[in-house]
Amino acid sequence: MKYTLKEKLKYVKMHVEEDVPLWEIYYTYDFRLSDLKYLCKLYRMWGEEPFLKEEGTRSCYTRERS
């Protein structure tokens, strides 16, 4: 299933800011754990910036800042 950036940001914020366990998001929204962990790492590194770009555009946000 494909999720919008807005949905991804919602799930990430649920975990990072509201302390909802990863497994609960996985079972409730059927969102893969590995993807969620990756997105949480991006969020902690870059904030909301990667989730606010226009849909369909590519940008280079990595888990490591240079």
PDB file of N, CA and C in Angstrom:
ATOM      1  N   MET A   1       0.837  -1.176   0.000  1.00  0.00           N
ATOM      2  CA  MET A   1       0.000   0.000   0.000  1.00  0.00           C
ATOM      3  C   MET A   1       0.887   1.246   0.000  1.00  0.00           C
ATOM      4  N   LYS A   2       0.480   2.234  -0.749  1.00  0.00           N
ATOM      5  CA  LYS A   2       1.253   3.463  -0.845  1.00  0.00           C
ATOM      6  C   LYS A   2       0.632   4.525   0.056  1.00  0.00           C
ATOM      7  N   TYR A   3       1.487   5.176   0.836  1.00  0.00           N
ATOM      8  CA  TYR A   3       1.033   6.201   1.766  1.00  0.00           C
ATOM      9  C   TYR A   3       1.509   7.568   1.303  1.00  0.00           C
ATOM     10  N   THR A   4       0.721   8.598   1.593  1.00  0.00           N
ATOM     11  CA  THR A   4       1.129   9.959   1.259  1.00  0.00           C
ATOM     12  C   THR A   4       2.151  10.437   2.286  1.00  0.00           C
ATOM     13  N   LEU A   5       2.849  11.499   1.951  1.00  0.00           N
ATOM     14  CA  LEU A   5       3.820  12.066   2.888  1.00  0.00           C
ATOM     15  C   LEU A   5       3.130  12.560   4.158  1.00  0.00           C
ATOM     16  N   LYS A   6       1.915  13.062   4.000  1.00  0.00           N
ATOM     17  CA  LYS A   6       1.153  13.530   5.157  1.00  0.00           C
ATOM     18  C   LYS A   6       0.841  12.375   6.115  1.00  0.00           C
ATOM     19  N   GLU A   7       0.469  11.229   5.562  1.00  0.00           N
ATOM     20  CA  GLU A   7       0.196  10.054   6.393  1.00  0.00           C
ATOM     21  C   GLU A   7       1.471   9.566   7.079  1.00  0.00           C
ATOM     22  N   LYS A   8       2.554   9.531   6.335  1.00  0.00           N
ATOM     23  CA  LYS A   8       3.830   9.088   6.907  1.00  0.00           C
ATOM     24  C   LYS A   8       4.241   9.989   8.065  1.00  0.00           C
ATOM     25  N   LEU A   9       4.103  11.293   7.878  1.00  0.00           N
ATOM     26  CA  LEU A   9       4.444  12.235   8.935  1.00  0.00           C
ATOM     27  C   LEU A   9       3.557  12.009  10.157  1.00  0.00           C
ATOM     28  N   LYS A  10       2.291  11.738   9.928  1.00  0.00           N
ATOM     29  CA  LYS A  10       1.360  11.473  11.034  1.00  0.00           C
ATOM     30  C   LYS A  10       1.826  10.275  11.859  1.00  0.00           C
ATOM     31  N   TYR A  11       2.200   9.188  11.203  1.00  0.00           N
ATOM     32  CA  TYR A  11       2.632   7.983  11.913  1.00  0.00           C
ATOM     33  C   TYR A  11       3.948   8.211  12.656  1.00  0.00           C
ATOM     34  N   VAL A  12       4.849   8.933  12.024  1.00  0.00           N
ATOM     35  CA  VAL A  12       6.131   9.234  12.658  1.00  0.00           C
ATOM     36  C   VAL A  12       5.913  10.078  13.911  1.00  0.00           C
ATOM     37  N   LYS A  13       5.083  11.106  13.810  1.00  0.00           N
ATOM     38  CA  LYS A  13       4.818  11.959  14.964  1.00  0.00           C
ATOM     39  C   LYS A  13       4.118  11.177  16.075  1.00  0.00           C
ATOM     40  N   MET A  14       3.250  10.239  15.701  1.00  0.00           N
ATOM     41  CA  MET A  14       2.592   9.417  16.707  1.00  0.00           C
ATOM     42  C   MET A  14       3.630   8.691  17.547  1.00  0.00           C
ATOM     43  N   HIS A  15       4.649   8.155  16.881  1.00  0.00           N
ATOM     44  CA  HIS A  15       5.671   7.409  17.605  1.00  0.00           C
ATOM     45  C   HIS A  15       6.630   8.335  18.359  1.00  0.00           C
ATOM     46  N   VAL A  16       7.165   9.325  17.677  1.00  0.00           N
ATOM     47  CA  VAL A  16       8.218  10.162  18.254  1.00  0.00           C
ATOM     48  C   VAL A  16       7.675  11.119  19.317  1.00  0.00           C
ATOM     49  N   GLU A  17       6.547  11.755  19.048  1.00  0.00           N
ATOM     50  CA  GLU A  17       6.049  12.787  19.947  1.00  0.00           C
ATOM     51  C   GLU A  17       5.014  12.283  20.950  1.00  0.00           C
ATOM     52  N   GLU A  18       4.222  11.277  20.553  1.00  0.00           N
ATOM     53  CA  GLU A  18       3.161  10.790  21.433  1.00  0.00           C
ATOM     54  C   GLU A  18       3.496   9.448  22.076  1.00  0.00           C
ATOM     55  N   ASP A  19       4.678   8.920  21.793  1.00  0.00           N
ATOM     56  CA  ASP A  19       5.155   7.657  22.369  1.00  0.00           C
ATOM     57  C   ASP A  19       4.248   6.457  22.081  1.00  0.00           C
ATOM     58  N   VAL A  20       3.607   6.448  20.917  1.00  0.00           N
ATOM     59  CA  VAL A  20       2.837   5.285  20.503  1.00  0.00           C
ATOM     60  C   VAL A  20       3.835   4.221  20.049  1.00  0.00           C
ATOM     61  N   PRO A  21       3.744   3.001  20.568  1.00  0.00           N
ATOM     62  CA  PRO A  21       4.705   1.961  20.189  1.00  0.00           C
ATOM     63  C   PRO A  21       4.657   1.649  18.688  1.00  0.00           C
ATOM     64  N   LEU A  22       5.819   1.297  18.146  1.00  0.00           N
ATOM     65  CA  LEU A  22       5.907   0.967  16.721  1.00  0.00           C
ATOM     66  C   LEU A  22       4.946  -0.155  16.342  1.00  0.00           C
ATOM     67  N   TRP A  23       4.889  -1.183  17.183  1.00  0.00           N
ATOM     68  CA  TRP A  23       4.041  -2.328  16.849  1.00  0.00           C
ATOM     69  C   TRP A  23       2.568  -1.924  16.777  1.00  0.00           C
ATOM     70  N   GLU A  24       2.147  -0.951  17.583  1.00  0.00           N
ATOM     71  CA  GLU A  24       0.749  -0.512  17.552  1.00  0.00           C
ATOM     72  C   GLU A  24       0.424   0.180  16.222  1.00  0.00           C
ATOM     73  N   ILE A  25       1.354   0.998  15.752  1.00  0.00           N
ATOM     74  CA  ILE A  25       1.159   1.655  14.448  1.00  0.00           C
ATOM     75  C   ILE A  25       1.139   0.608  13.342  1.00  0.00           C
ATOM     76  N   TYR A  26       2.023  -0.368  13.454  1.00  0.00           N
ATOM     77  CA  TYR A  26       2.079  -1.452  12.468  1.00  0.00           C
ATOM     78  C   TYR A  26       0.746  -2.202  12.400  1.00  0.00           C
ATOM     79  N   TYR A  27       0.226  -2.624  13.516  1.00  0.00           N
ATOM     80  CA  TYR A  27      -1.012  -3.407  13.521  1.00  0.00           C
ATOM     81  C   TYR A  27      -2.246  -2.569  13.200  1.00  0.00           C
ATOM     82  N   THR A  28      -2.268  -1.319  13.634  1.00  0.00           N
ATOM     83  CA  THR A  28      -3.434  -0.475  13.416  1.00  0.00           C
ATOM     84  C   THR A  28      -3.517   0.029  11.975  1.00  0.00           C
ATOM     85  N   TYR A  29      -2.383   0.448  11.424  1.00  0.00           N
ATOM     86  CA  TYR A  29      -2.380   1.091  10.103  1.00  0.00           C
ATOM     87  C   TYR A  29      -1.705   0.251   9.023  1.00  0.00           C
ATOM     88  N   ASP A  30      -1.222  -0.938   9.373  1.00  0.00           N
ATOM     89  CA  ASP A  30      -0.553  -1.837   8.431  1.00  0.00           C
ATOM     90  C   ASP A  30       0.635  -1.140   7.750  1.00  0.00           C
ATOM     91  N   PHE A  31       1.411  -0.426   8.560  1.00  0.00           N
ATOM     92  CA  PHE A  31       2.581   0.297   8.068  1.00  0.00           C
ATOM     93  C   PHE A  31       3.824  -0.486   8.463  1.00  0.00           C
ATOM     94  N   ARG A  32       4.634  -0.862   7.502  1.00  0.00           N
ATOM     95  CA  ARG A  32       5.796  -1.720   7.757  1.00  0.00           C
ATOM     96  C   ARG A  32       6.738  -1.127   8.798  1.00  0.00           C
ATOM     97  N   LEU A  33       7.189  -1.973   9.715  1.00  0.00           N
ATOM     98  CA  LEU A  33       8.068  -1.530  10.793  1.00  0.00           C
ATOM     99  C   LEU A  33       9.388  -0.970  10.276  1.00  0.00           C
ATOM    100  N   SER A  34       9.978  -1.632   9.299  1.00  0.00           N
ATOM    101  CA  SER A  34      11.272  -1.162   8.788  1.00  0.00           C
ATOM    102  C   SER A  34      11.139   0.232   8.168  1.00  0.00           C
ATOM    103  N   ASP A  35      10.047   0.478   7.455  1.00  0.00           N
ATOM    104  CA  ASP A  35       9.822   1.802   6.868  1.00  0.00           C
ATOM    105  C   ASP A  35       9.610   2.842   7.957  1.00  0.00           C
ATOM    106  N   LEU A  36       8.855   2.474   8.975  1.00  0.00           N
ATOM    107  CA  LEU A  36       8.580   3.397  10.059  1.00  0.00           C
ATOM    108  C   LEU A  36       9.855   3.760  10.828  1.00  0.00           C
ATOM    109  N   LYS A  37      10.694   2.783  11.080  1.00  0.00           N
ATOM    110  CA  LYS A  37      11.965   3.043  11.766  1.00  0.00           C
ATOM    111  C   LYS A  37      12.832   3.989  10.940  1.00  0.00           C
ATOM    112  N   TYR A  38      12.889   3.747   9.639  1.00  0.00           N
ATOM    113  CA  TYR A  38      13.665   4.606   8.744  1.00  0.00           C
ATOM    114  C   TYR A  38      13.129   6.035   8.764  1.00  0.00           C
ATOM    115  N   LEU A  39      11.813   6.178   8.658  1.00  0.00           N
ATOM    116  CA  LEU A  39      11.212   7.508   8.632  1.00  0.00           C
ATOM    117  C   LEU A  39      11.389   8.239   9.966  1.00  0.00           C
ATOM    118  N   CYS A  40      11.345   7.517  11.067  1.00  0.00           N
ATOM    119  CA  CYS A  40      11.566   8.125  12.380  1.00  0.00           C
ATOM    120  C   CYS A  40      12.995   8.652  12.484  1.00  0.00           C
ATOM    121  N   LYS A  41      13.932   7.895  11.950  1.00  0.00           N
ATOM    122  CA  LYS A  41      15.334   8.343  11.951  1.00  0.00           C
ATOM    123  C   LYS A  41      15.484   9.614  11.111  1.00  0.00           C
ATOM    124  N   LEU A  42      14.837   9.650   9.933  1.00  0.00           N
ATOM    125  CA  LEU A  42      14.867  10.856   9.097  1.00  0.00           C
ATOM    126  C   LEU A  42      14.253  12.040   9.828  1.00  0.00           C
ATOM    127  N   TYR A  43      13.134  11.800  10.491  1.00  0.00           N
ATOM    128  CA  TYR A  43      12.444  12.870  11.209  1.00  0.00           C
ATOM    129  C   TYR A  43      13.322  13.436  12.322  1.00  0.00           C
ATOM    130  N   ARG A  44      13.977  12.565  13.043  1.00  0.00           N
ATOM    131  CA  ARG A  44      14.852  13.029  14.120  1.00  0.00           C
ATOM    132  C   ARG A  44      16.040  13.821  13.572  1.00  0.00           C
ATOM    133  N   MET A  45      16.492  13.459  12.388  1.00  0.00           N
ATOM    134  CA  MET A  45      17.653  14.115  11.781  1.00  0.00           C
ATOM    135  C   MET A  45      17.266  15.422  11.076  1.00  0.00           C
ATOM    136  N   TRP A  46      16.187  15.404  10.298  1.00  0.00           N
ATOM    137  CA  TRP A  46      15.839  16.518   9.426  1.00  0.00           C
ATOM    138  C   TRP A  46      14.562  17.261   9.829  1.00  0.00           C
ATOM    139  N   GLY A  47      13.799  16.744  10.782  1.00  0.00           N
ATOM    140  CA  GLY A  47      12.533  17.375  11.146  1.00  0.00           C
ATOM    141  C   GLY A  47      11.462  17.078  10.103  1.00  0.00           C
ATOM    142  N   GLU A  48      10.543  17.990   9.926  1.00  0.00           N
ATOM    143  CA  GLU A  48       9.432  17.789   8.995  1.00  0.00           C
ATOM    144  C   GLU A  48       9.809  18.035   7.535  1.00  0.00           C
ATOM    145  N   GLU A  49      10.957  18.604   7.294  1.00  0.00           N
ATOM    146  CA  GLU A  49      11.371  19.013   5.942  1.00  0.00           C
ATOM    147  C   GLU A  49      11.194  17.925   4.871  1.00  0.00           C
ATOM    148  N   PRO A  50      11.640  16.679   5.095  1.00  0.00           N
ATOM    149  CA  PRO A  50      11.478  15.664   4.046  1.00  0.00           C
ATOM    150  C   PRO A  50      10.016  15.305   3.763  1.00  0.00           C
ATOM    151  N   PHE A  51       9.138  15.576   4.708  1.00  0.00           N
ATOM    152  CA  PHE A  51       7.737  15.207   4.552  1.00  0.00           C
ATOM    153  C   PHE A  51       6.902  16.324   3.943  1.00  0.00           C
ATOM    154  N   LEU A  52       7.480  17.488   3.778  1.00  0.00           N
ATOM    155  CA  LEU A  52       6.738  18.639   3.273  1.00  0.00           C
ATOM    156  C   LEU A  52       6.995  18.917   1.803  1.00  0.00           C
ATOM    157  N   LYS A  53       7.883  18.152   1.191  1.00  0.00           N
ATOM    158  CA  LYS A  53       8.174  18.380  -0.234  1.00  0.00           C
ATOM    159  C   LYS A  53       6.959  17.969  -1.067  1.00  0.00           C
ATOM    160  N   GLU A  54       6.929  18.423  -2.278  1.00  0.00           N
ATOM    161  CA  GLU A  54       5.826  18.132  -3.184  1.00  0.00           C
ATOM    162  C   GLU A  54       5.810  16.653  -3.547  1.00  0.00           C
ATOM    163  N   GLU A  55       4.625  16.056  -3.556  1.00  0.00           N
ATOM    164  CA  GLU A  55       4.491  14.643  -3.915  1.00  0.00           C
ATOM    165  C   GLU A  55       5.055  14.406  -5.319  1.00  0.00           C
ATOM    166  N   GLY A  56       5.762  13.309  -5.478  1.00  0.00           N
ATOM    167  CA  GLY A  56       6.288  12.935  -6.781  1.00  0.00           C
ATOM    168  C   GLY A  56       7.658  13.505  -7.093  1.00  0.00           C
ATOM    169  N   THR A  57       8.166  14.375  -6.235  1.00  0.00           N
ATOM    170  CA  THR A  57       9.512  14.904  -6.467  1.00  0.00           C
ATOM    171  C   THR A  57      10.506  14.113  -5.627  1.00  0.00           C
ATOM    172  N   ARG A  58      11.703  14.052  -6.096  1.00  0.00           N
ATOM    173  CA  ARG A  58      12.745  13.320  -5.374  1.00  0.00           C
ATOM    174  C   ARG A  58      13.709  14.318  -4.758  1.00  0.00           C
ATOM    175  N   SER A  59      14.145  14.000  -3.587  1.00  0.00           N
ATOM    176  CA  SER A  59      15.167  14.801  -2.948  1.00  0.00           C
ATOM    177  C   SER A  59      16.065  13.870  -2.155  1.00  0.00           C
ATOM    178  N   CYS A  60      17.187  14.364  -1.764  1.00  0.00           N
ATOM    179  CA  CYS A  60      18.180  13.508  -1.131  1.00  0.00           C
ATOM    180  C   CYS A  60      18.260  13.775   0.363  1.00  0.00           C
ATOM    181  N   TYR A  61      17.417  13.100   1.115  1.00  0.00           N
ATOM    182  CA  TYR A  61      17.497  13.151   2.568  1.00  0.00           C
ATOM    183  C   TYR A  61      17.978  11.798   3.039  1.00  0.00           C
ATOM    184  N   THR A  62      19.082  11.802   3.720  1.00  0.00           N
ATOM    185  CA  THR A  62      19.633  10.536   4.203  1.00  0.00           C
ATOM    186  C   THR A  62      19.599  10.525   5.722  1.00  0.00           C
ATOM    187  N   ARG A  63      19.905   9.374   6.282  1.00  0.00           N
ATOM    188  CA  ARG A  63      19.920   9.246   7.729  1.00  0.00           C
ATOM    189  C   ARG A  63      21.178   9.842   8.327  1.00  0.00           C
ATOM    190  N   GLU A  64      22.086  10.315   7.482  1.00  0.00           N
ATOM    191  CA  GLU A  64      23.337  10.904   7.945  1.00  0.00           C
ATOM    192  C   GLU A  64      23.449  12.322   7.401  1.00  0.00           C
ATOM    193  N   ARG A  65      23.755  13.254   8.254  1.00  0.00           N
ATOM    194  CA  ARG A  65      23.984  14.626   7.794  1.00  0.00           C
ATOM    195  C   ARG A  65      25.447  14.799   7.443  1.00  0.00           C
ATOM    196  N   SER A  66      25.701  15.498   6.365  1.00  0.00           N
ATOM    197  CA  SER A  66      27.095  15.710   5.974  1.00  0.00           C
ATOM    198  C   SER A  66      27.598  17.055   6.412  1.00  0.00           C
TER     199      SER A  66
END
